[in-house]
PDB file of N, CA and C in Angstrom:
ATOM      1  N   MET A   1      -3.488  13.504  -3.758  1.00  0.00           N
ATOM      2  CA  MET A   1      -4.106  12.902  -2.803  1.00  0.00           C
ATOM      3  C   MET A   1      -5.353  12.790  -3.297  1.00  0.00           C
ATOM      4  N   HIS A   2      -6.358  12.183  -3.471  1.00  0.00           N
ATOM      5  CA  HIS A   2      -7.421  12.486  -4.248  1.00  0.00           C
ATOM      6  C   HIS A   2      -8.607  12.796  -2.959  1.00  0.00           C
ATOM      7  N   THR A   3      -9.495  13.193  -3.622  1.00  0.00           N
ATOM      8  CA  THR A   3     -10.709  14.025  -2.399  1.00  0.00           C
ATOM      9  C   THR A   3     -11.077  13.028  -1.761  1.00  0.00           C
ATOM     10  N   SER A   4     -11.820  12.019  -2.351  1.00  0.00           N
ATOM     11  CA  SER A   4     -12.209  10.984  -1.697  1.00  0.00           C
ATOM     12  C   SER A   4     -11.729  10.351  -0.325  1.00  0.00           C
ATOM     13  N   LEU A   5     -10.343   9.808  -0.472  1.00  0.00           N
ATOM     14  CA  LEU A   5      -9.447   9.274   0.210  1.00  0.00           C
ATOM     15  C   LEU A   5      -9.036  10.552   1.073  1.00  0.00           C
ATOM     16  N   ARG A   6      -8.660  11.709   1.118  1.00  0.00           N
ATOM     17  CA  ARG A   6      -8.682  12.738   2.106  1.00  0.00           C
ATOM     18  C   ARG A   6      -9.857  13.297   2.585  1.00  0.00           C
ATOM     19  N   LEU A   7     -11.110  13.062   2.169  1.00  0.00           N
ATOM     20  CA  LEU A   7     -12.007  13.025   3.050  1.00  0.00           C
ATOM     21  C   LEU A   7     -12.353  11.584   4.524  1.00  0.00           C
ATOM     22  N   ILE A   8     -12.073  10.620   3.628  1.00  0.00           N
ATOM     23  CA  ILE A   8     -12.008   9.428   4.106  1.00  0.00           C
ATOM     24  C   ILE A   8     -10.995   9.852   5.409  1.00  0.00           C
ATOM     25  N   ARG A   9      -9.683   9.957   5.767  1.00  0.00           N
ATOM     26  CA  ARG A   9      -8.782   9.920   6.312  1.00  0.00           C
ATOM     27  C   ARG A   9      -8.855  11.603   7.197  1.00  0.00           C
ATOM     28  N   ILE A  10      -9.917  12.520   7.059  1.00  0.00           N
ATOM     29  CA  ILE A  10     -10.292  13.372   7.618  1.00  0.00           C
ATOM     30  C   ILE A  10     -11.220  12.656   8.946  1.00  0.00           C
ATOM     31  N   THR A  11     -11.974  12.122   7.942  1.00  0.00           N
ATOM     32  CA  THR A  11     -13.423  12.184   8.988  1.00  0.00           C
ATOM     33  C   THR A  11     -12.608  10.529  10.065  1.00  0.00           C
ATOM     34  N   CYS A  12     -11.669   9.602  10.061  1.00  0.00           N
ATOM     35  CA  CYS A  12     -11.225   8.873  11.072  1.00  0.00           C
ATOM     36  C   CYS A  12     -10.760   9.438  11.808  1.00  0.00           C
ATOM     37  N   LEU A  13      -9.471  10.692  11.408  1.00  0.00           N
ATOM     38  CA  LEU A  13      -9.194  11.643  12.673  1.00  0.00           C
ATOM     39  C   LEU A  13     -10.213  12.212  12.908  1.00  0.00           C
ATOM     40  N   THR A  14     -11.306  12.736  12.324  1.00  0.00           N
ATOM     41  CA  THR A  14     -11.875  13.134  14.021  1.00  0.00           C
ATOM     42  C   THR A  14     -12.249  12.805  14.821  1.00  0.00           C
ATOM     43  N   LEU A  15     -13.457  11.955  14.390  1.00  0.00           N
ATOM     44  CA  LEU A  15     -13.896  10.210  15.132  1.00  0.00           C
ATOM     45  C   LEU A  15     -12.876  10.031  15.859  1.00  0.00           C
ATOM     46  N   MET A  16     -12.040   9.862  15.702  1.00  0.00           N
ATOM     47  CA  MET A  16     -10.314   9.033  16.668  1.00  0.00           C
ATOM     48  C   MET A  16     -10.367  10.473  17.749  1.00  0.00           C
ATOM     49  N   LEU A  17      -9.996  11.342  17.370  1.00  0.00           N
ATOM     50  CA  LEU A  17      -9.484  12.590  18.572  1.00  0.00           C
ATOM     51  C   LEU A  17     -10.540  13.266  19.302  1.00  0.00           C
ATOM     52  N   SER A  18     -11.846  12.512  18.484  1.00  0.00           N
ATOM     53  CA  SER A  18     -12.756  12.937  19.210  1.00  0.00           C
ATOM     54  C   SER A  18     -13.366  12.808  20.060  1.00  0.00           C
ATOM     55  N   GLY A  19     -13.356  10.891  19.483  1.00  0.00           N
ATOM     56  CA  GLY A  19     -13.650   9.756  20.611  1.00  0.00           C
ATOM     57  C   GLY A  19     -12.542  10.040  22.107  1.00  0.00           C
ATOM     58  N   ILE A  20     -11.824  10.798  22.286  1.00  0.00           N
ATOM     59  CA  ILE A  20     -10.940  10.074  23.314  1.00  0.00           C
ATOM     60  C   ILE A  20     -11.646  11.315  24.355  1.00  0.00           C
ATOM     61  N   PRO A  21     -12.024  12.647  24.126  1.00  0.00           N
ATOM     62  CA  PRO A  21     -12.358  13.515  25.727  1.00  0.00           C
ATOM     63  C   PRO A  21     -14.093  12.962  25.737  1.00  0.00           C
ATOM     64  N   ALA A  22     -14.433  12.411  24.619  1.00  0.00           N
ATOM     65  CA  ALA A  22     -15.672  11.981  24.785  1.00  0.00           C
ATOM     66  C   ALA A  22     -15.805  10.693  26.035  1.00  0.00           C
ATOM     67  N   LEU A  23     -14.595   9.914  25.604  1.00  0.00           N
ATOM     68  CA  LEU A  23     -14.933   8.920  26.677  1.00  0.00           C
ATOM     69  C   LEU A  23     -14.294   9.369  28.162  1.00  0.00           C
ATOM     70  N   ILE A  24     -13.145  10.219  28.120  1.00  0.00           N
ATOM     71  CA  ILE A  24     -13.972  10.753  29.254  1.00  0.00           C
ATOM     72  C   ILE A  24     -14.600  11.524  29.831  1.00  0.00           C
ATOM     73  N   VAL A  25     -14.655  11.739  29.153  1.00  0.00           N
ATOM     74  CA  VAL A  25     -16.211  12.572  29.926  1.00  0.00           C
ATOM     75  C   VAL A  25     -17.342  11.618  29.696  1.00  0.00           C
ATOM     76  N   SER A  26     -17.732  11.052  29.515  1.00  0.00           N
ATOM     77  CA  SER A  26     -18.854   9.828  29.291  1.00  0.00           C
ATOM     78  C   SER A  26     -18.611   9.076  30.379  1.00  0.00           C
ATOM     79  N   SER A  27     -17.522   8.617  30.747  1.00  0.00           N
ATOM     80  CA  SER A  27     -16.925   7.729  32.452  1.00  0.00           C
ATOM     81  C   SER A  27     -16.590   8.809  33.683  1.00  0.00           C
ATOM     82  N   ILE A  28     -16.612  10.065  33.234  1.00  0.00           N
ATOM     83  CA  ILE A  28     -16.681  11.173  34.152  1.00  0.00           C
ATOM     84  C   ILE A  28     -17.806  10.984  34.997  1.00  0.00           C
ATOM     85  N   ARG A  29     -19.329  11.680  33.554  1.00  0.00           N
ATOM     86  CA  ARG A  29     -20.436  12.041  34.279  1.00  0.00           C
ATOM     87  C   ARG A  29     -21.230  10.809  34.343  1.00  0.00           C
ATOM     88  N   GLY A  30     -21.604  10.336  35.565  1.00  0.00           N
ATOM     89  CA  GLY A  30     -22.357   8.944  35.425  1.00  0.00           C
ATOM     90  C   GLY A  30     -22.282   7.976  35.595  1.00  0.00           C
ATOM     91  N   ASN A  31     -20.594   7.553  35.428  1.00  0.00           N
ATOM     92  CA  ASN A  31     -20.154   6.375  34.992  1.00  0.00           C
ATOM     93  C   ASN A  31     -21.209   5.305  33.668  1.00  0.00           C
ATOM     94  N   ASN A  32     -21.437   5.572  32.810  1.00  0.00           N
ATOM     95  CA  ASN A  32     -22.628   5.123  32.445  1.00  0.00           C
ATOM     96  C   ASN A  32     -21.640   4.142  31.076  1.00  0.00           C
ATOM     97  N   GLU A  33     -21.880   3.113  31.121  1.00  0.00           N
ATOM     98  CA  GLU A  33     -21.256   1.706  30.872  1.00  0.00           C
ATOM     99  C   GLU A  33     -20.784   1.951  29.241  1.00  0.00           C
ATOM    100  N   GLY A  34     -22.545   2.280  28.940  1.00  0.00           N
ATOM    101  CA  GLY A  34     -23.000   2.337  26.935  1.00  0.00           C
ATOM    102  C   GLY A  34     -22.091   3.684  26.457  1.00  0.00           C
ATOM    103  N   TRP A  35     -22.428   4.335  27.076  1.00  0.00           N
ATOM    104  CA  TRP A  35     -21.937   5.820  26.477  1.00  0.00           C
ATOM    105  C   TRP A  35     -20.048   5.858  26.477  1.00  0.00           C
ATOM    106  N   VAL A  36     -19.443   4.715  27.212  1.00  0.00           N
ATOM    107  CA  VAL A  36     -18.003   4.510  27.010  1.00  0.00           C
ATOM    108  C   VAL A  36     -17.843   3.286  26.561  1.00  0.00           C
ATOM    109  N   LEU A  37     -18.419   2.794  26.247  1.00  0.00           N
ATOM    110  CA  LEU A  37     -18.285   1.770  24.990  1.00  0.00           C
ATOM    111  C   LEU A  37     -18.447   1.782  23.687  1.00  0.00           C
ATOM    112  N   THR A  38     -19.698   2.655  23.399  1.00  0.00           N
ATOM    113  CA  THR A  38     -19.831   3.729  22.965  1.00  0.00           C
ATOM    114  C   THR A  38     -18.984   4.287  21.386  1.00  0.00           C
ATOM    115  N   PHE A  39     -18.210   4.598  22.627  1.00  0.00           N
ATOM    116  CA  PHE A  39     -17.595   5.625  22.077  1.00  0.00           C
ATOM    117  C   PHE A  39     -15.577   5.480  21.798  1.00  0.00           C
ATOM    118  N   GLY A  40     -16.096   4.556  22.846  1.00  0.00           N
ATOM    119  CA  GLY A  40     -14.583   3.372  22.444  1.00  0.00           C
ATOM    120  C   GLY A  40     -14.098   2.724  21.517  1.00  0.00           C
ATOM    121  N   MET A  41     -15.896   2.278  20.703  1.00  0.00           N
ATOM    122  CA  MET A  41     -16.371   1.400  19.736  1.00  0.00           C
ATOM    123  C   MET A  41     -15.733   2.349  18.367  1.00  0.00           C
ATOM    124  N   ILE A  42     -16.158   3.534  18.460  1.00  0.00           N
ATOM    125  CA  ILE A  42     -16.566   4.473  17.671  1.00  0.00           C
ATOM    126  C   ILE A  42     -14.698   5.080  17.472  1.00  0.00           C
ATOM    127  N   SER A  43     -13.883   5.003  18.206  1.00  0.00           N
ATOM    128  CA  SER A  43     -12.667   4.921  17.720  1.00  0.00           C
ATOM    129  C   SER A  43     -11.753   4.214  17.591  1.00  0.00           C
ATOM    130  N   ALA A  44     -12.547   3.009  18.107  1.00  0.00           N
ATOM    131  CA  ALA A  44     -11.258   1.785  17.650  1.00  0.00           C
ATOM    132  C   ALA A  44     -11.400   1.527  16.206  1.00  0.00           C
ATOM    133  N   VAL A  45     -12.478   1.734  15.800  1.00  0.00           N
ATOM    134  CA  VAL A  45     -13.639   1.033  14.283  1.00  0.00           C
ATOM    135  C   VAL A  45     -12.115   2.732  13.151  1.00  0.00           C
ATOM    136  N   ALA A  46     -12.944   3.591  13.430  1.00  0.00           N
ATOM    137  CA  ALA A  46     -12.097   4.786  13.546  1.00  0.00           C
ATOM    138  C   ALA A  46     -10.328   4.667  13.051  1.00  0.00           C
ATOM    139  N   ALA A  47      -9.970   3.951  13.727  1.00  0.00           N
ATOM    140  CA  ALA A  47      -8.182   3.400  13.517  1.00  0.00           C
ATOM    141  C   ALA A  47      -8.179   2.546  12.845  1.00  0.00           C
ATOM    142  N   ILE A  48      -9.436   2.006  12.940  1.00  0.00           N
ATOM    143  CA  ILE A  48      -8.839   0.214  11.793  1.00  0.00           C
ATOM    144  C   ILE A  48      -9.322   0.873  10.555  1.00  0.00           C
ATOM    145  N   ILE A  49      -9.804   1.533  10.072  1.00  0.00           N
ATOM    146  CA  ILE A  49     -11.037   2.213   9.183  1.00  0.00           C
ATOM    147  C   ILE A  49      -9.561   3.157   8.221  1.00  0.00           C
ATOM    148  N   LEU A  50      -8.861   3.555   9.231  1.00  0.00           N
ATOM    149  CA  LEU A  50      -7.589   4.882   8.826  1.00  0.00           C
ATOM    150  C   LEU A  50      -6.845   3.379   8.478  1.00  0.00           C
ATOM    151  N   MET A  51      -6.089   3.049   9.168  1.00  0.00           N
ATOM    152  CA  MET A  51      -5.563   1.517   9.214  1.00  0.00           C
ATOM    153  C   MET A  51      -5.512   1.337   8.186  1.00  0.00           C
ATOM    154  N   ALA A  52      -6.471   0.803   7.142  1.00  0.00           N
ATOM    155  CA  ALA A  52      -6.668  -0.160   6.403  1.00  0.00           C
ATOM    156  C   ALA A  52      -6.549   0.849   4.964  1.00  0.00           C
ATOM    157  N   VAL A  53      -7.450   2.285   4.904  1.00  0.00           N
ATOM    158  CA  VAL A  53      -6.776   2.856   3.790  1.00  0.00           C
ATOM    159  C   VAL A  53      -5.447   3.302   3.994  1.00  0.00           C
ATOM    160  N   SER A  54      -4.641   3.802   4.561  1.00  0.00           N
ATOM    161  CA  SER A  54      -3.643   3.645   4.167  1.00  0.00           C
ATOM    162  C   SER A  54      -2.503   2.554   3.811  1.00  0.00           C
ATOM    163  N   ALA A  55      -2.931   1.463   4.444  1.00  0.00           N
ATOM    164  CA  ALA A  55      -2.189   0.712   3.803  1.00  0.00           C
ATOM    165  C   ALA A  55      -2.419  -0.110   2.484  1.00  0.00           C
ATOM    166  N   ALA A  56      -3.675  -0.184   1.723  1.00  0.00           N
ATOM    167  CA  ALA A  56      -4.523  -0.287   0.493  1.00  0.00           C
ATOM    168  C   ALA A  56      -3.996   1.064  -0.291  1.00  0.00           C
ATOM    169  N   THR A  57      -3.737   2.186   0.247  1.00  0.00           N
ATOM    170  CA  THR A  57      -3.465   2.913  -0.593  1.00  0.00           C
ATOM    171  C   THR A  57      -1.995   3.387  -0.986  1.00  0.00           C
ATOM    172  N   SER A  58      -0.989   2.630  -0.065  1.00  0.00           N
ATOM    173  CA  SER A  58       0.259   3.316  -0.122  1.00  0.00           C
ATOM    174  C   SER A  58       1.389   1.451  -0.827  1.00  0.00           C
ATOM    175  N   THR A  59       0.478   1.080  -1.312  1.00  0.00           N
ATOM    176  CA  THR A  59       1.272   0.229  -2.462  1.00  0.00           C
ATOM    177  C   THR A  59       1.566   0.656  -3.542  1.00  0.00           C
ATOM    178  N   LYS A  60       2.702   0.589  -4.326  1.00  0.00           N
ATOM    179  CA  LYS A  60       2.848   1.177  -5.929  1.00  0.00           C
ATOM    180  C   LYS A  60       2.472   0.199  -6.766  1.00  0.00           C
ATOM    181  N   ARG A  61       1.417   0.606  -7.656  1.00  0.00           N
ATOM    182  CA  ARG A  61       1.384  -0.482  -8.890  1.00  0.00           C
ATOM    183  C   ARG A  61       1.904  -0.677  -9.793  1.00  0.00           C
ATOM    184  N   LEU A  62       2.072  -1.449 -10.586  1.00  0.00           N
ATOM    185  CA  LEU A  62       3.295  -2.000 -10.980  1.00  0.00           C
ATOM    186  C   LEU A  62       3.210  -1.032 -12.456  1.00  0.00           C
ATOM    187  N   ASP A  63       3.908  -1.086 -12.883  1.00  0.00           N
ATOM    188  CA  ASP A  63       4.332  -0.358 -14.825  1.00  0.00           C
ATOM    189  C   ASP A  63       3.890  -1.226 -16.005  1.00  0.00           C
ATOM    190  N   ALA A  64       3.345  -0.979 -16.155  1.00  0.00           N
ATOM    191  CA  ALA A  64       1.971  -1.455 -17.823  1.00  0.00           C
ATOM    192  C   ALA A  64       3.508  -2.068 -18.286  1.00  0.00           C
ATOM    193  N   PHE A  65       3.329  -2.916 -18.683  1.00  0.00           N
ATOM    194  CA  PHE A  65       4.645  -3.715 -19.307  1.00  0.00           C
ATOM    195  C   PHE A  65       4.195  -2.929 -21.195  1.00  0.00           C
ATOM    196  N   ASP A  66       5.516  -3.199 -21.298  1.00  0.00           N
ATOM    197  CA  ASP A  66       5.405  -2.663 -22.823  1.00  0.00           C
ATOM    198  C   ASP A  66       6.703  -3.764 -23.886  1.00  0.00           C
ATOM    199  N   ASP A  67       5.385  -4.137 -24.435  1.00  0.00           N
ATOM    200  CA  ASP A  67       5.950  -5.071 -25.779  1.00  0.00           C
ATOM    201  C   ASP A  67       7.056  -4.635 -26.776  1.00  0.00           C
ATOM    202  N   VAL A  68       7.513  -3.699 -26.971  1.00  0.00           N
ATOM    203  CA  VAL A  68       7.896  -2.945 -27.477  1.00  0.00           C
ATOM    204  C   VAL A  68       9.291  -3.029 -26.873  1.00  0.00           C
ATOM    205  N   VAL A  69       9.626  -3.366 -25.727  1.00  0.00           N
ATOM    206  CA  VAL A  69      10.049  -2.929 -25.145  1.00  0.00           C
ATOM    207  C   VAL A  69      10.907  -4.534 -24.759  1.00  0.00           C
ATOM    208  N   ALA A  70      10.244  -5.422 -24.189  1.00  0.00           N
ATOM    209  CA  ALA A  70      10.412  -7.047 -24.067  1.00  0.00           C
ATOM    210  C   ALA A  70      10.717  -7.324 -25.867  1.00  0.00           C
ATOM    211  N   GLU A  71      10.361  -7.131 -26.719  1.00  0.00           N
ATOM    212  CA  GLU A  71      10.641  -7.525 -28.155  1.00  0.00           C
ATOM    213  C   GLU A  71      11.915  -7.283 -28.311  1.00  0.00           C
ATOM    214  N   ARG A  72      12.604  -5.906 -27.657  1.00  0.00           N
ATOM    215  CA  ARG A  72      13.797  -5.229 -28.239  1.00  0.00           C
ATOM    216  C   ARG A  72      14.706  -5.664 -27.163  1.00  0.00           C
ATOM    217  N   VAL A  73      14.448  -6.582 -25.909  1.00  0.00           N
ATOM    218  CA  VAL A  73      14.956  -7.554 -24.787  1.00  0.00           C
ATOM    219  C   VAL A  73      15.194  -8.737 -25.455  1.00  0.00           C
ATOM    220  N   GLU A  74      14.246  -9.582 -25.806  1.00  0.00           N
ATOM    221  CA  GLU A  74      14.156 -10.953 -26.661  1.00  0.00           C
ATOM    222  C   GLU A  74      15.196 -10.720 -27.536  1.00  0.00           C
ATOM    223  N   GLN A  75      14.901  -9.674 -28.587  1.00  0.00           N
ATOM    224  CA  GLN A  75      15.674  -9.713 -30.198  1.00  0.00           C
ATOM    225  C   GLN A  75      17.299  -9.781 -29.392  1.00  0.00           C
ATOM    226  N   ARG A  76      17.614  -9.031 -28.878  1.00  0.00           N
ATOM    227  CA  ARG A  76      19.491  -8.644 -28.231  1.00  0.00           C
ATOM    228  C   ARG A  76      19.395 -10.353 -27.303  1.00  0.00           C
ATOM    229  N   ILE A  77      18.847 -10.785 -26.646  1.00  0.00           N
ATOM    230  CA  ILE A  77      19.040 -12.244 -26.521  1.00  0.00           C
ATOM    231  C   ILE A  77      19.239 -13.049 -27.574  1.00  0.00           C
ATOM    232  N   ARG A  78      18.150 -13.169 -28.543  1.00  0.00           N
ATOM    233  CA  ARG A  78      18.951 -14.176 -29.718  1.00  0.00           C
ATOM    234  C   ARG A  78      20.370 -13.512 -30.189  1.00  0.00           C
ATOM    235  N   MET A  79      20.105 -12.525 -30.231  1.00  0.00           N
ATOM    236  CA  MET A  79      21.453 -12.096 -30.635  1.00  0.00           C
ATOM    237  C   MET A  79      22.299 -12.500 -30.515  1.00  0.00           C
ATOM    238  N   LEU A  80      22.592 -12.606 -28.560  1.00  0.00           N
ATOM    239  CA  LEU A  80      23.881 -12.984 -27.627  1.00  0.00           C
ATOM    240  C   LEU A  80      23.720 -14.984 -27.832  1.00  0.00           C
ATOM    241  N   VAL A  81      23.081 -14.965 -27.817  1.00  0.00           N
ATOM    242  CA  VAL A  81      22.757 -16.627 -28.097  1.00  0.00           C
ATOM    243  C   VAL A  81      23.780 -17.159 -29.635  1.00  0.00           C
ATOM    244  N   GLU A  82      23.040 -16.643 -30.829  1.00  0.00           N
ATOM    245  CA  GLU A  82      23.719 -16.671 -32.329  1.00  0.00           C
ATOM    246  C   GLU A  82      24.909 -16.195 -32.654  1.00  0.00           C
ATOM    247  N   ALA A  83      25.053 -15.791 -31.165  1.00  0.00           N
ATOM    248  CA  ALA A  83      26.895 -15.307 -31.099  1.00  0.00           C
ATOM    249  C   ALA A  83      27.287 -16.438 -30.307  1.00  0.00           C
ATOM    250  N   GLY A  84      26.781 -17.096 -30.265  1.00  0.00           N
ATOM    251  CA  GLY A  84      27.811 -18.293 -29.175  1.00  0.00           C
ATOM    252  C   GLY A  84      27.254 -18.052 -27.290  1.00  0.00           C
ATOM    253  N   ALA A  85      26.778 -17.144 -27.302  1.00  0.00           N
ATOM    254  CA  ALA A  85      26.379 -17.316 -25.343  1.00  0.00           C
ATOM    255  C   ALA A  85      25.693 -18.431 -24.827  1.00  0.00           C
ATOM    256  N   ASN A  86      25.888 -19.191 -23.712  1.00  0.00           N
ATOM    257  CA  ASN A  86      24.548 -19.918 -23.703  1.00  0.00           C
ATOM    258  C   ASN A  86      23.776 -19.567 -22.952  1.00  0.00           C
ATOM    259  N   GLU A  87      22.068 -20.160 -23.519  1.00  0.00           N
ATOM    260  CA  GLU A  87      21.245 -18.950 -23.605  1.00  0.00           C
ATOM    261  C   GLU A  87      20.510 -18.885 -21.990  1.00  0.00           C
ATOM    262  N   SER A  88      20.942 -19.914 -20.868  1.00  0.00           N
ATOM    263  CA  SER A  88      20.450 -19.920 -19.850  1.00  0.00           C
ATOM    264  C   SER A  88      21.752 -19.149 -19.277  1.00  0.00           C
ATOM    265  N   ASP A  89      22.430 -18.874 -19.002  1.00  0.00           N
ATOM    266  CA  ASP A  89      23.374 -17.890 -18.439  1.00  0.00           C
ATOM    267  C   ASP A  89      22.876 -16.682 -18.890  1.00  0.00           C
ATOM    268  N   VAL A  90      22.319 -16.025 -20.075  1.00  0.00           N
ATOM    269  CA  VAL A  90      22.017 -14.547 -20.645  1.00  0.00           C
ATOM    270  C   VAL A  90      20.523 -14.511 -20.341  1.00  0.00           C
ATOM    271  N   ARG A  91      19.718 -15.868 -19.869  1.00  0.00           N
ATOM    272  CA  ARG A  91      18.217 -15.492 -19.286  1.00  0.00           C
ATOM    273  C   ARG A  91      18.200 -15.185 -17.708  1.00  0.00           C
ATOM    274  N   ASN A  92      19.296 -15.794 -17.426  1.00  0.00           N
ATOM    275  CA  ASN A  92      19.641 -15.935 -15.774  1.00  0.00           C
ATOM    276  C   ASN A  92      20.081 -14.284 -15.570  1.00  0.00           C
ATOM    277  N   LEU A  93      21.133 -13.896 -16.882  1.00  0.00           N
ATOM    278  CA  LEU A  93      21.836 -12.534 -15.799  1.00  0.00           C
ATOM    279  C   LEU A  93      20.353 -11.318 -16.632  1.00  0.00           C
ATOM    280  N   VAL A  94      20.150 -11.206 -17.625  1.00  0.00           N
ATOM    281  CA  VAL A  94      18.501 -10.953 -17.639  1.00  0.00           C
ATOM    282  C   VAL A  94      17.638 -11.231 -16.047  1.00  0.00           C
ATOM    283  N   ARG A  95      17.502 -12.222 -15.359  1.00  0.00           N
ATOM    284  CA  ARG A  95      16.594 -12.087 -14.424  1.00  0.00           C
ATOM    285  C   ARG A  95      17.148 -11.602 -13.355  1.00  0.00           C
ATOM    286  N   GLU A  96      18.550 -11.711 -12.832  1.00  0.00           N
ATOM    287  CA  GLU A  96      19.257 -11.478 -12.204  1.00  0.00           C
ATOM    288  C   GLU A  96      18.942  -9.295 -12.310  1.00  0.00           C
ATOM    289  N   SER A  97      19.445  -9.289 -13.380  1.00  0.00           N
ATOM    290  CA  SER A  97      19.312  -7.466 -13.841  1.00  0.00           C
ATOM    291  C   SER A  97      17.921  -7.151 -13.046  1.00  0.00           C
ATOM    292  N   MET A  98      16.895  -7.785 -14.003  1.00  0.00           N
ATOM    293  CA  MET A  98      15.888  -7.065 -13.318  1.00  0.00           C
ATOM    294  C   MET A  98      15.341  -7.385 -11.703  1.00  0.00           C
ATOM    295  N   SER A  99      16.016  -8.208 -10.763  1.00  0.00           N
ATOM    296  CA  SER A  99      15.727  -8.714  -9.539  1.00  0.00           C
ATOM    297  C   SER A  99      16.606  -7.121  -9.060  1.00  0.00           C
ATOM    298  N   LEU A 100      17.223  -6.740  -9.883  1.00  0.00           N
ATOM    299  CA  LEU A 100      18.548  -5.384  -8.960  1.00  0.00           C
ATOM    300  C   LEU A 100      17.553  -4.041  -9.151  1.00  0.00           C
ATOM    301  N   VAL A 101      17.331  -4.391 -10.537  1.00  0.00           N
ATOM    302  CA  VAL A 101      16.478  -2.919 -10.619  1.00  0.00           C
ATOM    303  C   VAL A 101      15.063  -2.876  -9.865  1.00  0.00           C
ATOM    304  N   ARG A 102      14.838  -3.646  -9.789  1.00  0.00           N
ATOM    305  CA  ARG A 102      13.527  -3.810  -8.898  1.00  0.00           C
ATOM    306  C   ARG A 102      13.887  -3.272  -7.498  1.00  0.00           C
ATOM    307  N   GLY A 103      14.479  -4.196  -6.714  1.00  0.00           N
ATOM    308  CA  GLY A 103      15.431  -3.502  -5.611  1.00  0.00           C
ATOM    309  C   GLY A 103      15.694  -2.530  -4.897  1.00  0.00           C
ATOM    310  N   GLN A 104      15.872  -1.469  -5.963  1.00  0.00           N
ATOM    311  CA  GLN A 104      16.411  -0.001  -5.628  1.00  0.00           C
ATOM    312  C   GLN A 104      15.319   0.896  -6.226  1.00  0.00           C
ATOM    313  N   GLU A 105      14.219   0.544  -6.264  1.00  0.00           N
ATOM    314  CA  GLU A 105      12.842   1.125  -6.667  1.00  0.00           C
ATOM    315  C   GLU A 105      12.480   1.284  -5.371  1.00  0.00           C
TER     316      GLU A 105
END
């Protein structure tokens, strides 16, 4: 995990966890609504930022497209079509095999 990402997560967790006792203490001592709302908003914003950062960084990136492999597959499709196979059937088979591989990742 990158250092900046770790720093954001630690900061958000610290703000969230320190916000809960701050809410309790500020509501008990003097019942000042301004302090209660401030600590509540800080905790809520920290939680939203933590969820957004986790969602944005957990997605997998697509692998780089390899032109050599794509050309090899296209060449094999041409060879099968020249041997008498139906081109649309062969291309559908390749499409279905790609979706099968993507589903297993």
